[in-house]
N, C-alpha and C. Protein backbone atom coordinates (compact mmCIF):
# COMPACT_ATOMS: atom_id res chain seq x y z
N MET A 1 -7.78 72.92 -21.08
CA MET A 1 -7.50 71.65 -20.99
C MET A 1 -8.37 70.62 -22.13
N ALA A 2 -7.32 69.92 -22.39
CA ALA A 2 -7.80 68.77 -23.33
C ALA A 2 -8.91 67.70 -23.12
N ARG A 3 -9.67 67.67 -24.26
CA ARG A 3 -10.98 66.62 -24.24
C ARG A 3 -10.43 65.12 -24.71
N ILE A 4 -10.48 64.41 -23.86
CA ILE A 4 -9.99 63.00 -24.39
C ILE A 4 -11.42 62.04 -24.74
N GLN A 5 -11.30 61.58 -26.12
CA GLN A 5 -12.38 60.77 -26.44
C GLN A 5 -12.53 59.62 -26.25
N ALA A 6 -13.10 58.82 -25.77
CA ALA A 6 -13.30 57.59 -25.57
C ALA A 6 -13.79 56.86 -26.90
N SER A 7 -13.13 55.70 -27.60
CA SER A 7 -14.07 54.93 -28.46
C SER A 7 -12.60 53.85 -28.85
N GLY A 8 -13.25 52.73 -29.10
CA GLY A 8 -12.57 51.16 -29.21
C GLY A 8 -11.58 51.34 -30.36
N ASP A 9 -11.60 52.16 -31.54
CA ASP A 9 -10.46 52.07 -32.20
C ASP A 9 -9.79 53.60 -32.16
N ARG A 10 -9.22 53.84 -30.75
CA ARG A 10 -8.78 55.29 -30.40
C ARG A 10 -7.34 55.38 -31.16
N GLN A 11 -7.23 56.28 -31.84
CA GLN A 11 -5.95 57.32 -32.53
C GLN A 11 -5.46 58.31 -31.92
N PHE A 12 -4.00 57.94 -31.55
CA PHE A 12 -3.64 59.20 -30.62
C PHE A 12 -2.64 59.93 -31.74
N SER A 13 -3.06 60.86 -31.99
CA SER A 13 -2.29 61.86 -32.96
C SER A 13 -1.27 62.27 -32.36
N GLY A 14 -0.04 62.03 -32.90
CA GLY A 14 1.06 62.68 -32.35
C GLY A 14 1.67 62.10 -30.94
N GLY A 15 1.11 61.23 -30.28
CA GLY A 15 1.55 59.82 -29.49
C GLY A 15 1.48 58.60 -29.72
N THR A 16 1.90 58.43 -31.03
CA THR A 16 1.90 56.89 -31.59
C THR A 16 3.24 56.59 -30.90
N ASP A 17 4.48 57.47 -30.82
CA ASP A 17 5.81 56.60 -30.68
C ASP A 17 5.52 56.51 -28.80
N ILE A 18 4.55 57.26 -28.36
CA ILE A 18 4.65 57.07 -26.67
C ILE A 18 3.86 55.65 -26.54
N TRP A 19 2.88 55.58 -27.42
CA TRP A 19 1.52 54.45 -27.08
C TRP A 19 2.45 53.17 -27.46
N ASN A 20 3.46 53.11 -28.33
CA ASN A 20 4.27 51.72 -28.99
C ASN A 20 5.30 51.58 -27.77
N SER A 21 5.92 52.48 -27.06
CA SER A 21 6.97 52.46 -25.77
C SER A 21 6.07 51.97 -24.76
N LEU A 22 5.21 52.58 -24.54
CA LEU A 22 4.33 51.87 -23.29
C LEU A 22 3.78 50.82 -23.65
N LYS A 23 3.39 50.38 -24.71
CA LYS A 23 2.92 48.98 -25.22
C LYS A 23 4.07 47.98 -25.01
N CYS A 24 5.39 48.40 -25.22
CA CYS A 24 6.36 47.39 -25.49
C CYS A 24 6.80 47.10 -24.01
N ALA A 25 6.74 48.25 -23.22
CA ALA A 25 7.23 48.15 -21.71
C ALA A 25 6.06 47.55 -20.94
N ILE A 26 4.68 47.31 -21.27
CA ILE A 26 3.85 46.64 -20.41
C ILE A 26 4.09 45.16 -21.31
N ALA A 27 4.33 45.08 -22.13
CA ALA A 27 4.31 43.41 -22.89
C ALA A 27 5.78 42.83 -22.32
N ALA A 28 6.90 43.75 -21.77
CA ALA A 28 7.96 43.01 -21.24
C ALA A 28 7.94 42.87 -19.67
N SER A 29 6.58 43.32 -19.06
CA SER A 29 6.32 43.22 -17.74
C SER A 29 6.08 41.86 -17.26
N SER A 30 6.89 41.65 -16.22
CA SER A 30 6.20 40.32 -15.69
C SER A 30 5.00 39.75 -15.25
N GLY A 31 3.96 40.94 -15.05
CA GLY A 31 2.53 40.85 -14.95
C GLY A 31 1.80 40.43 -16.24
N PHE A 32 1.91 41.25 -17.15
CA PHE A 32 1.92 40.99 -18.45
C PHE A 32 2.07 39.40 -19.03
N GLN A 33 3.48 39.05 -18.58
CA GLN A 33 3.97 37.81 -18.94
C GLN A 33 2.94 36.61 -18.20
N THR A 34 2.78 36.62 -17.20
CA THR A 34 2.12 35.65 -16.37
C THR A 34 0.54 36.13 -16.66
N TRP A 35 0.06 37.06 -16.96
CA TRP A 35 -1.61 37.11 -17.55
C TRP A 35 -1.63 36.41 -18.70
N LEU A 36 -0.65 36.83 -19.68
CA LEU A 36 -0.66 36.18 -21.16
C LEU A 36 -0.61 34.40 -20.93
N TYR A 37 0.14 33.82 -20.21
CA TYR A 37 0.64 32.36 -20.05
C TYR A 37 -0.71 32.01 -19.62
N GLU A 38 -1.42 32.37 -18.63
CA GLU A 38 -2.84 32.35 -18.05
C GLU A 38 -3.74 32.04 -19.33
N ARG A 39 -3.57 32.62 -20.43
CA ARG A 39 -4.38 32.40 -21.28
C ARG A 39 -4.33 31.50 -22.19
N ASP A 40 -5.42 30.81 -23.17
CA ASP A 40 -5.55 29.92 -23.93
C ASP A 40 -4.31 30.20 -25.08
N ALA A 41 -3.99 29.33 -25.44
CA ALA A 41 -3.17 29.30 -26.88
C ALA A 41 -3.88 30.15 -28.23
N GLN A 42 -5.26 30.08 -27.99
CA GLN A 42 -5.41 30.65 -29.19
C GLN A 42 -5.43 32.32 -28.88
N PHE A 43 -5.68 32.74 -27.87
CA PHE A 43 -5.52 34.35 -27.34
C PHE A 43 -4.03 34.76 -27.57
N GLN A 44 -3.21 33.42 -27.50
CA GLN A 44 -1.68 34.29 -27.65
C GLN A 44 -1.37 34.58 -29.16
N GLN A 45 -2.38 34.15 -30.05
CA GLN A 45 -2.20 34.35 -31.23
C GLN A 45 -2.65 36.27 -32.01
N VAL A 46 -3.01 36.38 -30.47
CA VAL A 46 -4.14 37.73 -31.15
C VAL A 46 -2.78 39.13 -31.18
N ASN A 47 -2.90 40.14 -31.92
CA ASN A 47 -1.88 40.98 -31.91
C ASN A 47 -1.54 41.49 -30.84
N LEU A 48 -0.60 42.20 -30.73
CA LEU A 48 0.29 42.79 -29.24
C LEU A 48 -0.81 43.96 -28.92
N GLU A 49 -1.19 44.38 -29.57
CA GLU A 49 -2.08 45.71 -29.58
C GLU A 49 -3.10 45.54 -28.87
N GLN A 50 -4.06 44.47 -29.42
CA GLN A 50 -5.36 43.77 -28.76
C GLN A 50 -4.79 43.03 -27.35
N GLN A 51 -3.89 42.39 -27.25
CA GLN A 51 -3.58 41.58 -25.98
C GLN A 51 -3.27 42.69 -24.87
N VAL A 52 -2.54 43.94 -25.41
CA VAL A 52 -2.26 44.71 -24.32
C VAL A 52 -3.35 45.83 -23.77
N GLN A 53 -4.38 46.05 -24.70
CA GLN A 53 -5.89 46.44 -24.55
C GLN A 53 -6.49 45.74 -23.39
N ARG A 54 -6.34 44.29 -23.88
CA ARG A 54 -7.38 43.46 -22.80
C ARG A 54 -6.87 43.62 -21.49
N TYR A 55 -5.47 43.36 -21.50
CA TYR A 55 -4.79 43.17 -20.22
C TYR A 55 -4.99 44.36 -19.28
N LEU A 56 -4.82 45.68 -20.36
CA LEU A 56 -5.17 46.92 -19.37
C LEU A 56 -6.30 47.17 -18.80
N ARG A 57 -7.49 46.36 -19.50
CA ARG A 57 -8.64 47.00 -19.45
C ARG A 57 -9.39 45.38 -17.98
N GLU A 58 -9.06 44.56 -18.16
CA GLU A 58 -9.15 43.66 -17.41
C GLU A 58 -8.26 44.22 -15.80
N THR A 59 -7.19 44.58 -15.97
CA THR A 59 -6.14 45.17 -14.61
C THR A 59 -7.15 46.35 -14.18
N LEU A 60 -7.83 47.09 -14.80
CA LEU A 60 -8.42 48.09 -14.44
C LEU A 60 -9.54 48.08 -13.77
N GLU A 61 -10.32 46.88 -14.48
CA GLU A 61 -11.66 46.25 -13.73
C GLU A 61 -11.03 45.69 -12.62
N THR A 62 -10.42 45.17 -12.20
CA THR A 62 -10.07 44.37 -10.95
C THR A 62 -9.60 45.69 -10.25
N LEU A 63 -8.96 46.41 -10.26
CA LEU A 63 -8.54 47.59 -9.49
C LEU A 63 -9.72 48.47 -9.14
N ALA A 64 -10.94 48.58 -10.16
CA ALA A 64 -12.06 49.03 -9.66
C ALA A 64 -12.95 48.71 -8.80
N TYR A 65 -12.61 47.16 -8.75
CA TYR A 65 -13.60 46.24 -8.00
C TYR A 65 -13.51 46.65 -6.90
């Protein structure tokens, strides 16, 4: 079984294409679009990578609650 390391600057060797496809699919989703719309204009200038990571983090925190 492969071990997954957790870090803020996660690098997915061999999984970059998968992550990029997933990131684009998430960004195109209505849930993400609504979430982004509810954020202030300054946050909307942050790069897509950071937006998707924050969206996933907040979504998982909400589900875990």
